PDB file of all heavy atoms in Angstrom:
ATOM      1  N   LYS A   1      88.212  -3.115 124.395  1.00  0.00           N
ATOM      2  CA  LYS A   1      87.525  -2.041 123.666  1.00  0.00           C
ATOM      3  C   LYS A   1      86.692  -1.163 124.613  1.00  0.00           C
ATOM      4  O   LYS A   1      86.370  -1.527 125.725  1.00  0.00           O
ATOM      5  CB  LYS A   1      86.616  -2.608 122.559  1.00  0.00           C
ATOM      6  CG  LYS A   1      87.422  -3.399 121.513  1.00  0.00           C
ATOM      7  CD  LYS A   1      86.538  -3.834 120.386  1.00  0.00           C
ATOM      8  CE  LYS A   1      87.293  -4.541 119.242  1.00  0.00           C
ATOM      9  NZ  LYS A   1      86.380  -4.946 118.171  1.00  0.00           N
ATOM     10  N   GLU A   2      86.384   0.005 124.136  1.00  0.00           N
ATOM     11  CA  GLU A   2      85.536   0.910 124.812  1.00  0.00           C
ATOM     12  C   GLU A   2      84.132   0.507 124.925  1.00  0.00           C
ATOM     13  O   GLU A   2      83.642  -0.222 124.027  1.00  0.00           O
ATOM     14  CB  GLU A   2      85.659   2.285 124.270  1.00  0.00           C
ATOM     15  CG  GLU A   2      86.978   3.012 124.358  1.00  0.00           C
ATOM     16  CD  GLU A   2      87.290   3.423 125.814  1.00  0.00           C
ATOM     17  OE1 GLU A   2      86.373   3.789 126.512  1.00  0.00           O
ATOM     18  OE2 GLU A   2      88.507   3.357 126.173  1.00  0.00           O
ATOM     19  N   ARG A   3      83.393   0.851 125.920  1.00  0.00           N
ATOM     20  CA  ARG A   3      81.981   0.658 125.960  1.00  0.00           C
ATOM     21  C   ARG A   3      81.327   1.468 124.905  1.00  0.00           C
ATOM     22  O   ARG A   3      81.599   2.558 124.600  1.00  0.00           O
ATOM     23  CB  ARG A   3      81.405   0.963 127.386  1.00  0.00           C
ATOM     24  CG  ARG A   3      79.946   0.829 127.557  1.00  0.00           C
ATOM     25  CD  ARG A   3      79.434   1.409 128.802  1.00  0.00           C
ATOM     26  NE  ARG A   3      79.880   0.542 129.894  1.00  0.00           N
ATOM     27  CZ  ARG A   3      79.910   0.969 131.169  1.00  0.00           C
ATOM     28  NH1 ARG A   3      79.507   2.139 131.498  1.00  0.00           N
ATOM     29  NH2 ARG A   3      80.303   0.101 132.155  1.00  0.00           N
ATOM     30  N   GLU A   4      80.355   0.747 124.256  1.00  0.00           N
ATOM     31  CA  GLU A   4      79.622   1.444 123.204  1.00  0.00           C
ATOM     32  C   GLU A   4      78.100   1.291 123.393  1.00  0.00           C
ATOM     33  O   GLU A   4      77.644   0.341 123.913  1.00  0.00           O
ATOM     34  CB  GLU A   4      80.014   0.872 121.793  1.00  0.00           C
ATOM     35  CG  GLU A   4      79.661  -0.572 121.621  1.00  0.00           C
ATOM     36  CD  GLU A   4      79.993  -1.045 120.163  1.00  0.00           C
ATOM     37  OE1 GLU A   4      80.112  -0.131 119.228  1.00  0.00           O
ATOM     38  OE2 GLU A   4      80.034  -2.232 119.966  1.00  0.00           O
ATOM     39  N   PHE A   5      77.417   2.289 122.903  1.00  0.00           N
ATOM     40  CA  PHE A   5      75.966   2.335 122.878  1.00  0.00           C
ATOM     41  C   PHE A   5      75.421   1.352 121.853  1.00  0.00           C
ATOM     42  O   PHE A   5      75.941   1.257 120.745  1.00  0.00           O
ATOM     43  CB  PHE A   5      75.467   3.715 122.477  1.00  0.00           C
ATOM     44  CG  PHE A   5      73.988   3.831 122.363  1.00  0.00           C
ATOM     45  CD1 PHE A   5      73.118   3.869 123.415  1.00  0.00           C
ATOM     46  CD2 PHE A   5      73.434   3.819 120.994  1.00  0.00           C
ATOM     47  CE1 PHE A   5      71.805   3.990 123.200  1.00  0.00           C
ATOM     48  CE2 PHE A   5      72.124   4.014 120.827  1.00  0.00           C
ATOM     49  CZ  PHE A   5      71.254   4.053 121.908  1.00  0.00           C
ATOM     50  N   VAL A   6      74.406   0.534 122.261  1.00  0.00           N
ATOM     51  CA  VAL A   6      73.796  -0.370 121.347  1.00  0.00           C
ATOM     52  C   VAL A   6      72.383   0.055 120.995  1.00  0.00           C
ATOM     53  O   VAL A   6      72.046   0.089 119.839  1.00  0.00           O
ATOM     54  CB  VAL A   6      73.715  -1.783 122.099  1.00  0.00           C
ATOM     55  CG1 VAL A   6      73.031  -2.755 121.143  1.00  0.00           C
ATOM     56  CG2 VAL A   6      75.180  -2.254 122.318  1.00  0.00           C
ATOM     57  N   ALA A   7      71.536   0.284 121.964  1.00  0.00           N
ATOM     58  CA  ALA A   7      70.148   0.637 121.678  1.00  0.00           C
ATOM     59  C   ALA A   7      69.613   1.461 122.919  1.00  0.00           C
ATOM     60  O   ALA A   7      69.982   1.270 124.028  1.00  0.00           O
ATOM     61  CB  ALA A   7      69.331  -0.630 121.518  1.00  0.00           C
ATOM     62  N   GLY A   8      68.625   2.288 122.564  1.00  0.00           N
ATOM     63  CA  GLY A   8      67.947   3.077 123.581  1.00  0.00           C
ATOM     64  C   GLY A   8      66.478   3.144 123.326  1.00  0.00           C
ATOM     65  O   GLY A   8      66.006   3.016 122.221  1.00  0.00           O
ATOM     66  N   ILE A   9      65.739   3.423 124.433  1.00  0.00           N
ATOM     67  CA  ILE A   9      64.326   3.519 124.255  1.00  0.00           C
ATOM     68  C   ILE A   9      63.833   4.519 125.313  1.00  0.00           C
ATOM     69  O   ILE A   9      64.259   4.597 126.492  1.00  0.00           O
ATOM     70  CB  ILE A   9      63.649   2.140 124.487  1.00  0.00           C
ATOM     71  CG1 ILE A   9      62.077   2.220 124.215  1.00  0.00           C
ATOM     72  CG2 ILE A   9      63.943   1.585 125.906  1.00  0.00           C
ATOM     73  CD1 ILE A   9      61.458   0.774 124.162  1.00  0.00           C
ATOM     74  N   ASN A  10      62.900   5.378 124.944  1.00  0.00           N
ATOM     75  CA  ASN A  10      62.363   6.395 125.865  1.00  0.00           C
ATOM     76  C   ASN A  10      61.407   5.786 126.727  1.00  0.00           C
ATOM     77  O   ASN A  10      61.026   4.715 126.699  1.00  0.00           O
ATOM     78  CB  ASN A  10      61.815   7.623 125.070  1.00  0.00           C
ATOM     79  CG  ASN A  10      60.531   7.379 124.398  1.00  0.00           C
ATOM     80  OD1 ASN A  10      60.167   6.232 124.085  1.00  0.00           O
ATOM     81  ND2 ASN A  10      59.700   8.409 124.267  1.00  0.00           N
ATOM     82  N   TRP A  11      60.896   6.653 127.671  1.00  0.00           N
ATOM     83  CA  TRP A  11      60.013   6.175 128.731  1.00  0.00           C
ATOM     84  C   TRP A  11      58.711   5.537 128.211  1.00  0.00           C
ATOM     85  O   TRP A  11      58.198   4.608 128.870  1.00  0.00           O
ATOM     86  CB  TRP A  11      59.671   7.325 129.671  1.00  0.00           C
ATOM     87  CG  TRP A  11      58.781   8.366 129.114  1.00  0.00           C
ATOM     88  CD1 TRP A  11      59.096   9.433 128.422  1.00  0.00           C
ATOM     89  CD2 TRP A  11      57.306   8.343 129.223  1.00  0.00           C
ATOM     90  NE1 TRP A  11      57.952  10.175 128.128  1.00  0.00           N
ATOM     91  CE2 TRP A  11      56.838   9.487 128.535  1.00  0.00           C
ATOM     92  CE3 TRP A  11      56.469   7.552 129.777  1.00  0.00           C
ATOM     93  CZ2 TRP A  11      55.573   9.905 128.414  1.00  0.00           C
ATOM     94  CZ3 TRP A  11      55.051   7.881 129.664  1.00  0.00           C
ATOM     95  CH2 TRP A  11      54.615   9.042 129.041  1.00  0.00           C
ATOM     96  N   SER A  12      58.180   6.041 127.153  1.00  0.00           N
ATOM     97  CA  SER A  12      56.909   5.580 126.619  1.00  0.00           C
ATOM     98  C   SER A  12      57.103   4.445 125.609  1.00  0.00           C
ATOM     99  O   SER A  12      56.115   3.790 125.161  1.00  0.00           O
ATOM    100  CB  SER A  12      56.088   6.656 126.000  1.00  0.00           C
ATOM    101  OG  SER A  12      56.799   7.311 124.916  1.00  0.00           O
ATOM    102  N   GLY A  13      58.274   4.252 125.154  1.00  0.00           N
ATOM    103  CA  GLY A  13      58.575   3.183 124.186  1.00  0.00           C
ATOM    104  C   GLY A  13      58.327   3.550 122.775  1.00  0.00           C
ATOM    105  O   GLY A  13      58.321   2.688 121.832  1.00  0.00           O
ATOM    106  N   ASP A  14      58.101   4.825 122.436  1.00  0.00           N
ATOM    107  CA  ASP A  14      57.776   5.191 121.061  1.00  0.00           C
ATOM    108  C   ASP A  14      58.943   5.846 120.365  1.00  0.00           C
ATOM    109  O   ASP A  14      58.834   6.274 119.179  1.00  0.00           O
ATOM    110  CB  ASP A  14      56.569   6.119 121.054  1.00  0.00           C
ATOM    111  CG  ASP A  14      56.638   7.340 121.855  1.00  0.00           C
ATOM    112  OD1 ASP A  14      57.805   7.560 122.476  1.00  0.00           O
ATOM    113  OD2 ASP A  14      55.716   8.197 121.925  1.00  0.00           O
ATOM    114  N   THR A  15      60.062   5.972 121.084  1.00  0.00           N
ATOM    115  CA  THR A  15      61.350   6.479 120.404  1.00  0.00           C
ATOM    116  C   THR A  15      62.443   5.490 120.636  1.00  0.00           C
ATOM    117  O   THR A  15      62.815   5.140 121.797  1.00  0.00           O
ATOM    118  CB  THR A  15      61.635   7.808 121.018  1.00  0.00           C
ATOM    119  OG1 THR A  15      60.588   8.781 120.781  1.00  0.00           O
ATOM    120  CG2 THR A  15      62.960   8.306 120.304  1.00  0.00           C
ATOM    121  N   LEU A  16      62.965   4.972 119.556  1.00  0.00           N
ATOM    122  CA  LEU A  16      63.974   3.888 119.612  1.00  0.00           C
ATOM    123  C   LEU A  16      65.195   4.402 118.852  1.00  0.00           C
ATOM    124  O   LEU A  16      65.116   5.055 117.843  1.00  0.00           O
ATOM    125  CB  LEU A  16      63.475   2.592 118.981  1.00  0.00           C
ATOM    126  CG  LEU A  16      62.122   2.072 119.387  1.00  0.00           C
ATOM    127  CD1 LEU A  16      61.758   0.811 118.621  1.00  0.00           C
ATOM    128  CD2 LEU A  16      62.192   1.780 120.922  1.00  0.00           C
ATOM    129  N   ASN A  17      66.336   4.136 119.423  1.00  0.00           N
ATOM    130  CA  ASN A  17      67.627   4.408 118.784  1.00  0.00           C
ATOM    131  C   ASN A  17      68.538   3.243 118.843  1.00  0.00           C
ATOM    132  O   ASN A  17      68.618   2.454 119.839  1.00  0.00           O
ATOM    133  CB  ASN A  17      68.309   5.565 119.479  1.00  0.00           C
ATOM    134  CG  ASN A  17      67.520   6.905 119.341  1.00  0.00           C
ATOM    135  OD1 ASN A  17      67.480   7.411 118.278  1.00  0.00           O
ATOM    136  ND2 ASN A  17      66.888   7.351 120.419  1.00  0.00           N
ATOM    137  N   TYR A  18      69.289   2.998 117.712  1.00  0.00           N
ATOM    138  CA  TYR A  18      70.199   1.965 117.572  1.00  0.00           C
ATOM    139  C   TYR A  18      71.525   2.390 117.047  1.00  0.00           C
ATOM    140  O   TYR A  18      71.570   3.259 116.274  1.00  0.00           O
ATOM    141  CB  TYR A  18      69.628   0.833 116.622  1.00  0.00           C
ATOM    142  CG  TYR A  18      68.338   0.275 117.114  1.00  0.00           C
ATOM    143  CD1 TYR A  18      67.039   0.714 116.633  1.00  0.00           C
ATOM    144  CD2 TYR A  18      68.303  -0.780 118.050  1.00  0.00           C
ATOM    145  CE1 TYR A  18      65.860   0.181 117.090  1.00  0.00           C
ATOM    146  CE2 TYR A  18      67.092  -1.345 118.446  1.00  0.00           C
ATOM    147  CZ  TYR A  18      65.871  -0.828 117.972  1.00  0.00           C
ATOM    148  OH  TYR A  18      64.686  -1.431 118.400  1.00  0.00           O
ATOM    149  N   ALA A  19      72.566   1.665 117.470  1.00  0.00           N
ATOM    150  CA  ALA A  19      73.853   1.806 116.872  1.00  0.00           C
ATOM    151  C   ALA A  19      73.754   1.229 115.433  1.00  0.00           C
ATOM    152  O   ALA A  19      72.992   0.355 115.170  1.00  0.00           O
ATOM    153  CB  ALA A  19      74.947   1.025 117.701  1.00  0.00           C
ATOM    154  N   TYR A  20      74.478   1.902 114.517  1.00  0.00           N
ATOM    155  CA  TYR A  20      74.412   1.524 113.145  1.00  0.00           C
ATOM    156  C   TYR A  20      74.771   0.007 113.042  1.00  0.00           C
ATOM    157  O   TYR A  20      74.250  -0.677 112.127  1.00  0.00           O
ATOM    158  CB  TYR A  20      75.389   2.386 112.328  1.00  0.00           C
ATOM    159  CG  TYR A  20      75.364   2.019 110.855  1.00  0.00           C
ATOM    160  CD1 TYR A  20      74.437   2.494 110.011  1.00  0.00           C
ATOM    161  CD2 TYR A  20      76.356   1.192 110.312  1.00  0.00           C
ATOM    162  CE1 TYR A  20      74.355   2.151 108.683  1.00  0.00           C
ATOM    163  CE2 TYR A  20      76.377   0.881 108.930  1.00  0.00           C
ATOM    164  CZ  TYR A  20      75.369   1.382 108.147  1.00  0.00           C
ATOM    165  OH  TYR A  20      75.337   1.039 106.820  1.00  0.00           O
ATOM    166  N   SER A  21      75.693  -0.452 113.806  1.00  0.00           N
ATOM    167  CA  SER A  21      76.166  -1.796 113.701  1.00  0.00           C
ATOM    168  C   SER A  21      75.174  -2.891 114.017  1.00  0.00           C
ATOM    169  O   SER A  21      75.242  -4.007 113.597  1.00  0.00           O
ATOM    170  CB  SER A  21      77.400  -1.994 114.575  1.00  0.00           C
ATOM    171  OG  SER A  21      77.034  -1.813 115.948  1.00  0.00           O
ATOM    172  N   VAL A  22      74.100  -2.500 114.750  1.00  0.00           N
ATOM    173  CA  VAL A  22      73.117  -3.463 115.141  1.00  0.00           C
ATOM    174  C   VAL A  22      71.733  -3.157 114.539  1.00  0.00           C
ATOM    175  O   VAL A  22      70.831  -3.989 114.703  1.00  0.00           O
ATOM    176  CB  VAL A  22      72.959  -3.535 116.625  1.00  0.00           C
ATOM    177  CG1 VAL A  22      74.274  -3.770 117.268  1.00  0.00           C
ATOM    178  CG2 VAL A  22      72.312  -2.301 117.228  1.00  0.00           C
ATOM    179  N   ARG A  23      71.599  -2.081 113.820  1.00  0.00           N
ATOM    180  CA  ARG A  23      70.343  -1.688 113.226  1.00  0.00           C
ATOM    181  C   ARG A  23      69.792  -2.728 112.264  1.00  0.00           C
ATOM    182  O   ARG A  23      70.530  -3.260 111.437  1.00  0.00           O
ATOM    183  CB  ARG A  23      70.484  -0.338 112.518  1.00  0.00           C
ATOM    184  CG  ARG A  23      69.184   0.407 112.295  1.00  0.00           C
ATOM    185  CD  ARG A  23      69.503   1.923 111.929  1.00  0.00           C
ATOM    186  NE  ARG A  23      70.156   2.600 113.078  1.00  0.00           N
ATOM    187  CZ  ARG A  23      70.845   3.663 112.958  1.00  0.00           C
ATOM    188  NH1 ARG A  23      71.012   4.207 111.732  1.00  0.00           N
ATOM    189  NH2 ARG A  23      71.401   4.266 113.952  1.00  0.00           N
ATOM    190  N   GLY A  24      68.569  -3.054 112.446  1.00  0.00           N
ATOM    191  CA  GLY A  24      67.989  -4.123 111.624  1.00  0.00           C
ATOM    192  C   GLY A  24      68.094  -5.494 112.185  1.00  0.00           C
ATOM    193  O   GLY A  24      67.439  -6.409 111.704  1.00  0.00           O
ATOM    194  N   ARG A  25      68.968  -5.666 113.142  1.00  0.00           N
ATOM    195  CA  ARG A  25      69.201  -6.944 113.736  1.00  0.00           C
ATOM    196  C   ARG A  25      68.736  -7.141 115.208  1.00  0.00           C
ATOM    197  O   ARG A  25      68.269  -8.055 115.643  1.00  0.00           O
ATOM    198  CB  ARG A  25      70.697  -7.314 113.726  1.00  0.00           C
ATOM    199  CG  ARG A  25      71.225  -7.472 112.307  1.00  0.00           C
ATOM    200  CD  ARG A  25      72.643  -7.968 112.268  1.00  0.00           C
ATOM    201  NE  ARG A  25      73.606  -7.123 113.029  1.00  0.00           N
ATOM    202  CZ  ARG A  25      74.241  -7.426 114.064  1.00  0.00           C
ATOM    203  NH1 ARG A  25      74.141  -8.671 114.568  1.00  0.00           N
ATOM    204  NH2 ARG A  25      75.074  -6.636 114.679  1.00  0.00           N
ATOM    205  N   PHE A  26      68.903  -5.952 115.958  1.00  0.00           N
ATOM    206  CA  PHE A  26      68.482  -5.957 117.312  1.00  0.00           C
ATOM    207  C   PHE A  26      67.232  -5.136 117.525  1.00  0.00           C
ATOM    208  O   PHE A  26      67.003  -4.097 116.788  1.00  0.00           O
ATOM    209  CB  PHE A  26      69.621  -5.316 118.169  1.00  0.00           C
ATOM    210  CG  PHE A  26      70.868  -6.099 118.340  1.00  0.00           C
ATOM    211  CD1 PHE A  26      71.063  -7.241 117.592  1.00  0.00           C
ATOM    212  CD2 PHE A  26      71.873  -5.679 119.180  1.00  0.00           C
ATOM    213  CE1 PHE A  26      72.257  -7.955 117.694  1.00  0.00           C
ATOM    214  CE2 PHE A  26      73.068  -6.416 119.328  1.00  0.00           C
ATOM    215  CZ  PHE A  26      73.238  -7.548 118.589  1.00  0.00           C
ATOM    216  N   THR A  27      66.530  -5.491 118.580  1.00  0.00           N
ATOM    217  CA  THR A  27      65.284  -4.690 118.849  1.00  0.00           C
ATOM    218  C   THR A  27      65.241  -4.476 120.356  1.00  0.00           C
ATOM    219  O   THR A  27      65.286  -5.433 121.110  1.00  0.00           O
ATOM    220  CB  THR A  27      63.989  -5.382 118.434  1.00  0.00           C
ATOM    221  OG1 THR A  27      64.086  -5.652 117.030  1.00  0.00           O
ATOM    222  CG2 THR A  27      62.769  -4.540 118.709  1.00  0.00           C
ATOM    223  N   ILE A  28      65.114  -3.297 120.741  1.00  0.00           N
ATOM    224  CA  ILE A  28      64.956  -2.870 122.173  1.00  0.00           C
ATOM    225  C   ILE A  28      63.407  -2.727 122.442  1.00  0.00           C
ATOM    226  O   ILE A  28      62.725  -2.173 121.590  1.00  0.00           O
ATOM    227  CB  ILE A  28      65.756  -1.672 122.591  1.00  0.00           C
ATOM    228  CG1 ILE A  28      65.666  -1.470 124.098  1.00  0.00           C
ATOM    229  CG2 ILE A  28      65.268  -0.442 121.880  1.00  0.00           C
ATOM    230  CD1 ILE A  28      66.642  -0.356 124.610  1.00  0.00           C
TER     231      ILE A  28
END
């Protein structure tokens, strides 16, 4: 399978992004 984005966090840690498939289960 292709590489997929899971989670991201900005430099200060106050902006978080998650793939829909892991939202609510994973925490970056």
